C-alpha atoms as a PDB file:
ATOM      1  CA  MET A   1     118.139 131.626  88.366  1.00  0.00           C
ATOM      2  CA  ARG A   2     116.118 134.802  88.118  1.00  0.00           C
ATOM      3  CA  LEU A   3     113.246 135.030  90.612  1.00  0.00           C
ATOM      4  CA  LEU A   4     111.040 136.630  87.971  1.00  0.00           C
ATOM      5  CA  THR A   5     111.579 137.164  84.259  1.00  0.00           C
ATOM      6  CA  SER A   6     109.278 138.166  81.425  1.00  0.00           C
ATOM      7  CA  THR A   7     108.466 134.473  80.942  1.00  0.00           C
ATOM      8  CA  ILE A   8     109.165 133.364  84.495  1.00  0.00           C
ATOM      9  CA  VAL A   9     109.232 129.650  85.153  1.00  0.00           C
ATOM     10  CA  LEU A  10     110.861 128.263  88.285  1.00  0.00           C
ATOM     11  CA  ALA A  11     110.822 124.467  88.228  1.00  0.00           C
ATOM     12  CA  ILE A  12     111.943 123.969  91.801  1.00  0.00           C
ATOM     13  CA  ALA A  13     113.640 120.727  92.792  1.00  0.00           C
ATOM     14  CA  ALA A  14     113.316 118.700  95.969  1.00  0.00           C
ATOM     15  CA  THR A  15     115.054 121.142  98.279  1.00  0.00           C
ATOM     16  CA  GLY A  16     115.337 119.549 101.690  1.00  0.00           C
ATOM     17  CA  LEU A  17     113.051 116.625 100.836  1.00  0.00           C
ATOM     18  CA  SER A  18     113.950 112.985 101.271  1.00  0.00           C
ATOM     19  CA  ALA A  19     115.227 110.964  98.341  1.00  0.00           C
ATOM     20  CA  GLN A  20     112.097 108.767  98.506  1.00  0.00           C
ATOM     21  CA  GLN A  21     109.676 111.690  98.239  1.00  0.00           C
ATOM     22  CA  PRO A  22     109.237 113.054  94.698  1.00  0.00           C
ATOM     23  CA  PRO A  23     109.933 116.750  94.205  1.00  0.00           C
ATOM     24  CA  PRO A  24     107.049 119.191  93.816  1.00  0.00           C
ATOM     25  CA  ASN A  25     106.231 119.265  90.111  1.00  0.00           C
ATOM     26  CA  PHE A  26     105.485 122.760  88.860  1.00  0.00           C
ATOM     27  CA  SER A  27     104.494 122.831  85.211  1.00  0.00           C
ATOM     28  CA  SER A  28     105.732 125.254  82.590  1.00  0.00           C
ATOM     29  CA  GLU A  29     102.768 127.438  83.493  1.00  0.00           C
ATOM     30  CA  SER A  30     103.794 127.700  87.158  1.00  0.00           C
ATOM     31  CA  GLN A  31     105.067 131.109  88.258  1.00  0.00           C
ATOM     32  CA  LEU A  32     106.699 130.617  91.607  1.00  0.00           C
ATOM     33  CA  VAL A  33     108.119 133.234  93.937  1.00  0.00           C
ATOM     34  CA  VAL A  34     110.789 131.736  96.209  1.00  0.00           C
ATOM     35  CA  LEU A  35     111.567 133.202  99.648  1.00  0.00           C
ATOM     36  CA  HIS A  36     114.344 132.192 102.036  1.00  0.00           C
ATOM     37  CA  VAL A  37     113.290 132.965 105.595  1.00  0.00           C
ATOM     38  CA  ALA A  38     115.266 133.210 108.835  1.00  0.00           C
ATOM     39  CA  VAL A  39     113.200 132.971 112.031  1.00  0.00           C
ATOM     40  CA  ARG A  40     114.381 134.005 115.495  1.00  0.00           C
ATOM     41  CA  ASP A  41     112.829 134.217 118.946  1.00  0.00           C
ATOM     42  CA  LYS A  42     112.838 137.256 121.245  1.00  0.00           C
ATOM     43  CA  LYS A  43     116.300 136.354 122.529  1.00  0.00           C
ATOM     44  CA  GLY A  44     117.730 136.222 119.017  1.00  0.00           C
ATOM     45  CA  GLY A  45     118.037 132.437 118.812  1.00  0.00           C
ATOM     46  CA  TYR A  46     117.097 130.518 115.673  1.00  0.00           C
ATOM     47  CA  VAL A  47     113.725 128.788 115.786  1.00  0.00           C
ATOM     48  CA  GLY A  48     113.694 125.381 114.124  1.00  0.00           C
ATOM     49  CA  GLY A  49     111.054 122.727 113.643  1.00  0.00           C
ATOM     50  CA  LEU A  50     108.265 125.021 112.473  1.00  0.00           C
ATOM     51  CA  SER A  51     105.662 123.594 110.121  1.00  0.00           C
ATOM     52  CA  GLN A  52     104.197 125.298 107.080  1.00  0.00           C
ATOM     53  CA  ASP A  53     101.099 126.182 109.121  1.00  0.00           C
ATOM     54  CA  CYS A  54     103.216 128.515 111.258  1.00  0.00           C
ATOM     55  CA  PHE A  55     103.827 130.852 108.297  1.00  0.00           C
ATOM     56  CA  ASN A  56     101.665 133.385 106.490  1.00  0.00           C
ATOM     57  CA  VAL A  57     102.757 135.139 103.282  1.00  0.00           C
ATOM     58  CA  PHE A  58     101.352 138.388 101.911  1.00  0.00           C
ATOM     59  CA  GLU A  59     102.040 140.105  98.607  1.00  0.00           C
ATOM     60  CA  ASN A  60     100.975 143.750  98.431  1.00  0.00           C
ATOM     61  CA  LYS A  61      99.031 142.994 101.657  1.00  0.00           C
ATOM     62  CA  GLN A  62      97.052 140.190  99.973  1.00  0.00           C
ATOM     63  CA  PRO A  63      97.350 136.676 101.525  1.00  0.00           C
ATOM     64  CA  GLN A  64      99.082 134.050  99.399  1.00  0.00           C
ATOM     65  CA  SER A  65      98.837 130.277  99.429  1.00  0.00           C
ATOM     66  CA  ILE A  66     102.179 128.563 100.116  1.00  0.00           C
ATOM     67  CA  SER A  67     102.914 126.065  97.322  1.00  0.00           C
ATOM     68  CA  PHE A  68     106.320 124.867  98.498  1.00  0.00           C
ATOM     69  CA  PHE A  69     107.887 124.555 101.943  1.00  0.00           C
ATOM     70  CA  SER A  70     111.188 123.233 103.266  1.00  0.00           C
ATOM     71  CA  SER A  71     112.582 123.448 106.776  1.00  0.00           C
ATOM     72  CA  GLN A  72     115.602 121.177 106.348  1.00  0.00           C
ATOM     73  CA  ASP A  73     119.306 122.015 106.427  1.00  0.00           C
ATOM     74  CA  ALA A  74     119.321 121.496 102.678  1.00  0.00           C
ATOM     75  CA  PRO A  75     122.452 121.902 100.540  1.00  0.00           C
ATOM     76  CA  VAL A  76     122.979 125.244  98.833  1.00  0.00           C
ATOM     77  CA  THR A  77     124.924 126.643  95.934  1.00  0.00           C
ATOM     78  CA  VAL A  78     127.147 129.302  97.476  1.00  0.00           C
ATOM     79  CA  GLY A  79     129.554 131.735  95.889  1.00  0.00           C
ATOM     80  CA  LEU A  80     132.423 133.512  97.651  1.00  0.00           C
ATOM     81  CA  LEU A  81     132.965 136.865  95.884  1.00  0.00           C
ATOM     82  CA  ILE A  82     136.185 138.301  97.244  1.00  0.00           C
ATOM     83  CA  ASP A  83     137.748 141.658  96.487  1.00  0.00           C
ATOM     84  CA  SER A  84     141.079 141.004  94.798  1.00  0.00           C
ATOM     85  CA  SER A  85     142.142 144.623  94.218  1.00  0.00           C
ATOM     86  CA  GLY A  86     145.357 146.115  95.546  1.00  0.00           C
ATOM     87  CA  SER A  87     143.788 147.049  98.870  1.00  0.00           C
ATOM     88  CA  MET A  88     143.315 143.357  99.740  1.00  0.00           C
ATOM     89  CA  GLY A  89     147.087 142.705  99.942  1.00  0.00           C
ATOM     90  CA  PRO A  90     147.548 142.883 103.758  1.00  0.00           C
ATOM     91  CA  ASN A  91     144.332 140.901 104.357  1.00  0.00           C
ATOM     92  CA  ARG A  92     144.737 138.124 101.800  1.00  0.00           C
ATOM     93  CA  ASP A  93     145.879 135.254 104.038  1.00  0.00           C
ATOM     94  CA  LEU A  94     143.371 136.028 106.811  1.00  0.00           C
ATOM     95  CA  VAL A  95     140.476 136.166 104.349  1.00  0.00           C
ATOM     96  CA  ILE A  96     141.533 132.850 102.779  1.00  0.00           C
ATOM     97  CA  ALA A  97     141.729 131.204 106.203  1.00  0.00           C
ATOM     98  CA  ALA A  98     138.321 132.622 107.186  1.00  0.00           C
ATOM     99  CA  SER A  99     136.784 131.367 103.922  1.00  0.00           C
ATOM    100  CA  MET A 100     138.126 127.876 104.539  1.00  0.00           C
ATOM    101  CA  ALA A 101     136.683 127.862 108.070  1.00  0.00           C
ATOM    102  CA  PHE A 102     133.340 128.937 106.574  1.00  0.00           C
ATOM    103  CA  ALA A 103     133.420 125.997 104.158  1.00  0.00           C
ATOM    104  CA  LYS A 104     134.295 123.523 106.946  1.00  0.00           C
ATOM    105  CA  THR A 105     131.206 124.504 108.979  1.00  0.00           C
ATOM    106  CA  SER A 106     128.836 124.591 106.011  1.00  0.00           C
ATOM    107  CA  ASN A 107     126.675 121.669 104.912  1.00  0.00           C
ATOM    108  CA  PRO A 108     129.150 119.074 103.538  1.00  0.00           C
ATOM    109  CA  ALA A 109     126.963 118.682 100.441  1.00  0.00           C
ATOM    110  CA  ASP A 110     127.068 122.396  99.549  1.00  0.00           C
ATOM    111  CA  GLU A 111     128.571 123.236  96.179  1.00  0.00           C
ATOM    112  CA  ILE A 112     130.885 126.236  96.412  1.00  0.00           C
ATOM    113  CA  PHE A 113     132.529 128.510  93.875  1.00  0.00           C
ATOM    114  CA  VAL A 114     134.922 131.427  94.144  1.00  0.00           C
ATOM    115  CA  LEU A 115     135.141 134.656  92.170  1.00  0.00           C
ATOM    116  CA  GLY A 116     138.021 137.039  92.761  1.00  0.00           C
ATOM    117  CA  PHE A 117     137.511 140.508  91.384  1.00  0.00           C
ATOM    118  CA  ASN A 118     139.565 143.596  90.666  1.00  0.00           C
ATOM    119  CA  GLU A 119     138.878 145.360  87.359  1.00  0.00           C
ATOM    120  CA  ASN A 120     138.272 141.840  85.977  1.00  0.00           C
ATOM    121  CA  ILE A 121     136.497 138.786  87.352  1.00  0.00           C
ATOM    122  CA  ASN A 122     138.759 135.818  88.012  1.00  0.00           C
ATOM    123  CA  THR A 123     137.101 132.374  87.854  1.00  0.00           C
ATOM    124  CA  PRO A 124     139.694 129.974  89.313  1.00  0.00           C
ATOM    125  CA  LEU A 125     137.660 126.760  89.063  1.00  0.00           C
ATOM    126  CA  PRO A 126     137.700 124.964  85.677  1.00  0.00           C
ATOM    127  CA  VAL A 127     134.810 125.204  83.238  1.00  0.00           C
ATOM    128  CA  ASP A 128     134.169 121.464  83.451  1.00  0.00           C
ATOM    129  CA  ALA A 129     134.060 121.565  87.285  1.00  0.00           C
ATOM    130  CA  PRO A 130     132.749 125.045  88.200  1.00  0.00           C
ATOM    131  CA  PHE A 131     131.686 124.049  91.750  1.00  0.00           C
ATOM    132  CA  THR A 132     133.360 122.082  94.510  1.00  0.00           C
ATOM    133  CA  HIS A 133     132.845 120.749  98.027  1.00  0.00           C
ATOM    134  CA  ASP A 134     136.413 119.443  98.203  1.00  0.00           C
ATOM    135  CA  LEU A 135     138.376 121.549 100.698  1.00  0.00           C
ATOM    136  CA  PRO A 136     141.855 121.287  99.112  1.00  0.00           C
ATOM    137  CA  THR A 137     140.364 122.246  95.726  1.00  0.00           C
ATOM    138  CA  LEU A 138     138.622 125.212  97.321  1.00  0.00           C
ATOM    139  CA  HIS A 139     141.822 126.331  99.051  1.00  0.00           C
ATOM    140  CA  GLY A 140     143.702 126.303  95.775  1.00  0.00           C
ATOM    141  CA  ALA A 141     140.911 128.253  94.081  1.00  0.00           C
ATOM    142  CA  LEU A 142     140.977 130.911  96.790  1.00  0.00           C
ATOM    143  CA  ARG A 143     144.729 131.382  96.449  1.00  0.00           C
ATOM    144  CA  ARG A 144     144.441 131.750  92.676  1.00  0.00           C
ATOM    145  CA  ALA A 145     141.422 134.068  92.923  1.00  0.00           C
ATOM    146  CA  ILE A 146     142.865 136.682  95.290  1.00  0.00           C
ATOM    147  CA  THR A 147     145.727 138.362  93.469  1.00  0.00           C
ATOM    148  CA  ALA A 148     145.618 141.649  95.453  1.00  0.00           C
ATOM    149  CA  ARG A 149     146.273 144.034  92.584  1.00  0.00           C
ATOM    150  CA  GLY A 150     144.403 146.466  90.337  1.00  0.00           C
ATOM    151  CA  GLN A 151     141.183 148.447  90.683  1.00  0.00           C
ATOM    152  CA  THR A 152     137.713 147.334  91.822  1.00  0.00           C
ATOM    153  CA  ALA A 153     134.685 146.411  89.704  1.00  0.00           C
ATOM    154  CA  ILE A 154     132.311 145.141  92.369  1.00  0.00           C
ATOM    155  CA  TYR A 155     129.144 145.912  90.378  1.00  0.00           C
ATOM    156  CA  ASN A 156     130.381 143.701  87.539  1.00  0.00           C
ATOM    157  CA  ALA A 157     131.400 141.034  90.067  1.00  0.00           C
ATOM    158  CA  VAL A 158     128.011 140.844  91.777  1.00  0.00           C
ATOM    159  CA  ASN A 159     126.309 140.583  88.378  1.00  0.00           C
ATOM    160  CA  GLY A 160     128.758 137.821  87.482  1.00  0.00           C
ATOM    161  CA  GLY A 161     128.075 136.066  90.778  1.00  0.00           C
ATOM    162  CA  LEU A 162     124.316 136.163  90.164  1.00  0.00           C
ATOM    163  CA  ASP A 163     124.811 134.587  86.746  1.00  0.00           C
ATOM    164  CA  TYR A 164     127.217 131.966  88.104  1.00  0.00           C
ATOM    165  CA  VAL A 165     125.164 130.896  91.129  1.00  0.00           C
ATOM    166  CA  ALA A 166     122.087 130.399  88.931  1.00  0.00           C
ATOM    167  CA  LYS A 167     123.937 127.583  87.127  1.00  0.00           C
ATOM    168  CA  GLY A 168     124.247 125.483  90.279  1.00  0.00           C
ATOM    169  CA  GLN A 169     122.211 122.354  90.945  1.00  0.00           C
ATOM    170  CA  PHE A 170     120.496 123.607  94.105  1.00  0.00           C
ATOM    171  CA  ASP A 171     117.534 125.983  94.266  1.00  0.00           C
ATOM    172  CA  ARG A 172     118.851 127.556  97.465  1.00  0.00           C
ATOM    173  CA  GLN A 173     121.407 130.082  96.270  1.00  0.00           C
ATOM    174  CA  VAL A 174     123.733 132.290  98.335  1.00  0.00           C
ATOM    175  CA  LEU A 175     126.430 134.856  97.592  1.00  0.00           C
ATOM    176  CA  VAL A 176     128.932 136.039 100.215  1.00  0.00           C
ATOM    177  CA  VAL A 177     130.652 139.280  99.199  1.00  0.00           C
ATOM    178  CA  VAL A 178     133.859 140.394 100.959  1.00  0.00           C
ATOM    179  CA  SER A 179     134.885 143.917  99.930  1.00  0.00           C
ATOM    180  CA  ASP A 180     134.872 147.563 100.972  1.00  0.00           C
ATOM    181  CA  GLY A 181     131.983 148.151  98.537  1.00  0.00           C
ATOM    182  CA  GLY A 182     133.738 150.834  96.498  1.00  0.00           C
ATOM    183  CA  ASP A 183     133.698 150.652  92.705  1.00  0.00           C
ATOM    184  CA  ASN A 184     135.951 152.434  90.218  1.00  0.00           C
ATOM    185  CA  ALA A 185     136.032 150.072  87.220  1.00  0.00           C
ATOM    186  CA  SER A 186     132.554 148.645  86.413  1.00  0.00           C
ATOM    187  CA  PHE A 187     130.547 149.117  83.237  1.00  0.00           C
ATOM    188  CA  VAL A 188     127.397 147.974  85.069  1.00  0.00           C
ATOM    189  CA  THR A 189     125.766 150.712  87.157  1.00  0.00           C
ATOM    190  CA  ARG A 190     124.915 150.565  90.844  1.00  0.00           C
ATOM    191  CA  ALA A 191     121.194 150.805  90.036  1.00  0.00           C
ATOM    192  CA  GLN A 192     121.391 147.949  87.529  1.00  0.00           C
ATOM    193  CA  VAL A 193     123.120 145.548  89.882  1.00  0.00           C
ATOM    194  CA  LEU A 194     120.742 146.329  92.756  1.00  0.00           C
ATOM    195  CA  ALA A 195     117.776 145.662  90.443  1.00  0.00           C
ATOM    196  CA  ASN A 196     119.347 142.403  89.274  1.00  0.00           C
ATOM    197  CA  ALA A 197     119.946 141.327  92.872  1.00  0.00           C
ATOM    198  CA  GLN A 198     116.340 142.039  93.816  1.00  0.00           C
ATOM    199  CA  ALA A 199     115.111 140.066  90.798  1.00  0.00           C
ATOM    200  CA  SER A 200     117.297 137.065  91.595  1.00  0.00           C
ATOM    201  CA  ASN A 201     116.695 134.004  93.740  1.00  0.00           C
ATOM    202  CA  ALA A 202     119.951 134.494  95.663  1.00  0.00           C
ATOM    203  CA  VAL A 203     120.402 135.628  99.247  1.00  0.00           C
ATOM    204  CA  ILE A 204     123.399 137.961  99.518  1.00  0.00           C
ATOM    205  CA  TYR A 205     125.516 138.380 102.647  1.00  0.00           C
ATOM    206  CA  THR A 206     128.136 141.119 102.711  1.00  0.00           C
ATOM    207  CA  VAL A 207     131.280 141.653 104.772  1.00  0.00           C
ATOM    208  CA  ALA A 208     132.607 145.226 104.613  1.00  0.00           C
ATOM    209  CA  LEU A 209     136.362 145.537 105.120  1.00  0.00           C
ATOM    210  CA  VAL A 210     136.774 149.309 105.246  1.00  0.00           C
ATOM    211  CA  ASP A 211     139.948 151.313 105.628  1.00  0.00           C
ATOM    212  CA  PRO A 212     138.918 154.561 107.387  1.00  0.00           C
ATOM    213  CA  LEU A 213     141.309 156.472 105.096  1.00  0.00           C
ATOM    214  CA  ASP A 214     139.844 155.038 101.889  1.00  0.00           C
ATOM    215  CA  THR A 215     137.575 157.679 100.336  1.00  0.00           C
ATOM    216  CA  GLU A 216     136.259 155.249  97.689  1.00  0.00           C
ATOM    217  CA  ALA A 217     134.906 152.667 100.161  1.00  0.00           C
ATOM    218  CA  ASP A 218     131.127 152.238 100.022  1.00  0.00           C
ATOM    219  CA  PRO A 219     129.756 149.974 102.774  1.00  0.00           C
ATOM    220  CA  GLY A 220     126.331 151.487 102.134  1.00  0.00           C
ATOM    221  CA  PHE A 221     126.153 149.667  98.799  1.00  0.00           C
ATOM    222  CA  LEU A 222     126.902 146.390 100.551  1.00  0.00           C
ATOM    223  CA  SER A 223     124.109 147.042 103.058  1.00  0.00           C
ATOM    224  CA  GLN A 224     121.675 147.728 100.193  1.00  0.00           C
ATOM    225  CA  LEU A 225     122.607 144.442  98.502  1.00  0.00           C
ATOM    226  CA  ALA A 226     121.981 142.422 101.650  1.00  0.00           C
ATOM    227  CA  GLU A 227     118.702 144.162 102.471  1.00  0.00           C
ATOM    228  CA  ALA A 228     117.365 143.753  98.925  1.00  0.00           C
ATOM    229  CA  THR A 229     117.796 139.978  99.034  1.00  0.00           C
ATOM    230  CA  GLY A 230     116.983 139.102 102.643  1.00  0.00           C
ATOM    231  CA  GLY A 231     120.618 138.581 103.654  1.00  0.00           C
ATOM    232  CA  ARG A 232     122.703 140.332 106.293  1.00  0.00           C
ATOM    233  CA  ALA A 233     125.387 143.018 106.130  1.00  0.00           C
ATOM    234  CA  PHE A 234     128.389 142.901 108.464  1.00  0.00           C
ATOM    235  CA  ARG A 235     131.092 145.473 109.110  1.00  0.00           C
ATOM    236  CA  PRO A 236     133.786 143.914 111.319  1.00  0.00           C
ATOM    237  CA  LYS A 237     136.046 146.288 113.213  1.00  0.00           C
ATOM    238  CA  ASN A 238     139.158 144.611 111.849  1.00  0.00           C
ATOM    239  CA  VAL A 239     140.059 141.837 109.451  1.00  0.00           C
ATOM    240  CA  SER A 240     140.745 139.357 112.257  1.00  0.00           C
ATOM    241  CA  ASP A 241     136.976 139.362 112.932  1.00  0.00           C
ATOM    242  CA  VAL A 242     136.140 138.117 109.410  1.00  0.00           C
ATOM    243  CA  ALA A 243     136.365 134.464 110.508  1.00  0.00           C
ATOM    244  CA  SER A 244     133.712 134.887 113.224  1.00  0.00           C
ATOM    245  CA  VAL A 245     131.494 136.849 110.816  1.00  0.00           C
ATOM    246  CA  LEU A 246     131.662 134.085 108.212  1.00  0.00           C
ATOM    247  CA  GLN A 247     130.764 131.551 110.934  1.00  0.00           C
ATOM    248  CA  LYS A 248     127.634 133.588 111.691  1.00  0.00           C
ATOM    249  CA  ILE A 249     126.755 133.563 108.002  1.00  0.00           C
ATOM    250  CA  SER A 250     127.250 129.784 107.825  1.00  0.00           C
ATOM    251  CA  ARG A 251     124.871 129.262 110.759  1.00  0.00           C
ATOM    252  CA  ASP A 252     122.317 131.615 109.230  1.00  0.00           C
ATOM    253  CA  ILE A 253     122.344 129.733 105.918  1.00  0.00           C
ATOM    254  CA  ARG A 254     121.839 126.380 107.616  1.00  0.00           C
ATOM    255  CA  ASN A 255     118.885 127.653 109.676  1.00  0.00           C
ATOM    256  CA  MET A 256     116.763 129.103 106.865  1.00  0.00           C
ATOM    257  CA  TYR A 257     113.322 127.967 105.777  1.00  0.00           C
ATOM    258  CA  THR A 258     112.363 128.076 102.105  1.00  0.00           C
ATOM    259  CA  LEU A 259     108.845 129.045 101.015  1.00  0.00           C
ATOM    260  CA  GLY A 260     107.347 129.316  97.560  1.00  0.00           C
ATOM    261  CA  TYR A 261     104.040 130.680  96.301  1.00  0.00           C
ATOM    262  CA  VAL A 262     102.338 131.416  93.011  1.00  0.00           C
ATOM    263  CA  PRO A 263     101.031 135.025  93.143  1.00  0.00           C
ATOM    264  CA  ALA A 264      97.267 134.956  93.485  1.00  0.00           C
ATOM    265  CA  SER A 265      96.902 138.069  91.336  1.00  0.00           C
ATOM    266  CA  GLY A 266      99.204 136.805  88.585  1.00  0.00           C
ATOM    267  CA  LEU A 267     102.495 138.259  87.480  1.00  0.00           C
ATOM    268  CA  PRO A 268     103.064 141.845  86.467  1.00  0.00           C
ATOM    269  CA  THR A 269     102.883 142.446  82.740  1.00  0.00           C
ATOM    270  CA  VAL A 270     106.201 143.418  81.226  1.00  0.00           C
ATOM    271  CA  MET A 271     106.071 145.855  78.323  1.00  0.00           C
ATOM    272  CA  LYS A 272     109.162 146.138  76.158  1.00  0.00           C
ATOM    273  CA  ASN A 273     109.429 149.421  74.323  1.00  0.00           C
ATOM    274  CA  HIS A 274     113.220 149.772  74.235  1.00  0.00           C
ATOM    275  CA  LYS A 275     113.058 149.500  78.044  1.00  0.00           C
ATOM    276  CA  ASN A 276     111.596 146.965  80.441  1.00  0.00           C
ATOM    277  CA  LYS A 277     108.858 148.213  82.718  1.00  0.00           C
ATOM    278  CA  GLU A 278     109.040 146.395  86.020  1.00  0.00           C
ATOM    279  CA  GLU A 279     106.601 146.308  88.896  1.00  0.00           C
ATOM    280  CA  ARG A 280     107.892 146.160  92.463  1.00  0.00           C
ATOM    281  CA  ARG A 281     105.767 143.892  94.626  1.00  0.00           C
ATOM    282  CA  ARG A 282     106.084 144.045  98.395  1.00  0.00           C
ATOM    283  CA  VAL A 283     106.286 140.786 100.329  1.00  0.00           C
ATOM    284  CA  THR A 284     105.603 140.157 104.029  1.00  0.00           C
ATOM    285  CA  VAL A 285     106.099 136.890 105.896  1.00  0.00           C
ATOM    286  CA  ASN A 286     104.757 136.320 109.399  1.00  0.00           C
ATOM    287  CA  ALA A 287     105.683 133.389 111.621  1.00  0.00           C
ATOM    288  CA  VAL A 288     104.146 132.276 114.912  1.00  0.00           C
ATOM    289  CA  LEU A 289     104.730 129.417 117.315  1.00  0.00           C
ATOM    290  CA  PRO A 290     101.887 126.884 117.708  1.00  0.00           C
ATOM    291  CA  THR A 291     101.130 128.740 120.960  1.00  0.00           C
ATOM    292  CA  GLY A 292     100.428 131.908 118.960  1.00  0.00           C
ATOM    293  CA  GLN A 293     103.615 133.722 120.005  1.00  0.00           C
ATOM    294  CA  LYS A 294     104.934 135.962 117.222  1.00  0.00           C
ATOM    295  CA  LEU A 295     108.463 135.413 115.952  1.00  0.00           C
ATOM    296  CA  LYS A 296     111.007 137.664 114.266  1.00  0.00           C
ATOM    297  CA  VAL A 297     111.315 137.051 110.537  1.00  0.00           C
ATOM    298  CA  ARG A 298     113.918 138.139 107.994  1.00  0.00           C
ATOM    299  CA  THR A 299     113.445 137.685 104.256  1.00  0.00           C
ATOM    300  CA  ARG A 300     113.396 139.825 101.139  1.00  0.00           C
ATOM    301  CA  ARG A 301     110.854 142.631 101.387  1.00  0.00           C
ATOM    302  CA  ALA A 302     109.977 142.836  97.702  1.00  0.00           C
ATOM    303  CA  TYR A 303     110.688 141.426  94.283  1.00  0.00           C
ATOM    304  CA  MET A 304     110.808 142.871  90.806  1.00  0.00           C
ATOM    305  CA  GLY A 305     108.867 141.495  87.865  1.00  0.00           C
ATOM    306  CA  GLY A 306     110.332 141.743  84.408  1.00  0.00           C
ATOM    307  CA  ASP A 307     113.371 140.563  82.537  1.00  0.00           C
ATOM    308  CA  THR A 308     116.567 141.890  84.087  1.00  0.00           C
ATOM    309  CA  GLU A 309     119.451 141.500  81.698  1.00  0.00           C
ATOM    310  CA  SER A 310     123.096 141.803  82.574  1.00  0.00           C
ATOM    311  CA  GLU A 311     126.472 141.846  80.911  1.00  0.00           C
ATOM    312  CA  THR A 312     129.451 140.296  82.617  1.00  0.00           C
ATOM    313  CA  ALA A 313     133.126 140.161  81.714  1.00  0.00           C
ATOM    314  CA  PHE A 314     135.079 137.187  83.059  1.00  0.00           C
ATOM    315  CA  ASP A 315     138.836 136.869  83.160  1.00  0.00           C
ATOM    316  CA  ALA A 316     139.308 133.235  82.171  1.00  0.00           C
ATOM    317  CA  GLN A 317     142.153 131.646  84.087  1.00  0.00           C
END
């Protein structure tokens, strides 16, 4: 799901609402901006139980009216994008074990998919069942996805992950990228994939596994991806720390609020003269306790209007 397109329509489902309560019904004219928001106190602990009244949203410094709010541990569509190039060989089994531990501590209703990537993108789950919450199925998919050979096309893989996650049933969308960030095989550019990430509805978490002797590693790209989408970037000291990092990501996902608003000033106009012209709109979210105490907030800082198109090559397995 793209956050904004030239004809943006986000018909958001009942994320985190009870089965008895009907979902918010946004018509085909609704133009909703969706934000996933993590809230912490001064000690760094997650703050739960906040009501909609505790939040204020601003776009380009102008206050916005919140149209949709969820504070529940709602299911998400989550993709594990794992570097499958030759450099992953020594780390393969540890990364698979860490990914399985991540799935076990996630919401049991989450739907999960796996993409392994080298110069191609490997989609190990079948076309007729592209998502799973079954642990043995996931384990088999991880083993098939990580072949540990070839070059690295991470820009293509992130674009593919954005396309894939948008096909899930849940409006909360997450990508977890495990790689060193270096790219030597993509046809998509770094700028294109960063723009696509910022225009998407997905939160991206990154885990940088960097060999100090690898001159092609690019953890800076991974940090940019996470920052652009309101996620977090991690750089563990060694691969044995990946399991604890993925546990932190799992907790972060389960403690996020989801807010939606229709921009008071309308959407940016997109002109198409061989090229899309996109407007970057800055977003600020403030959160306070009922006592008035300010809280620390993390979410995306901006979004892009316009129609961001991508090309993706999948290696059908």
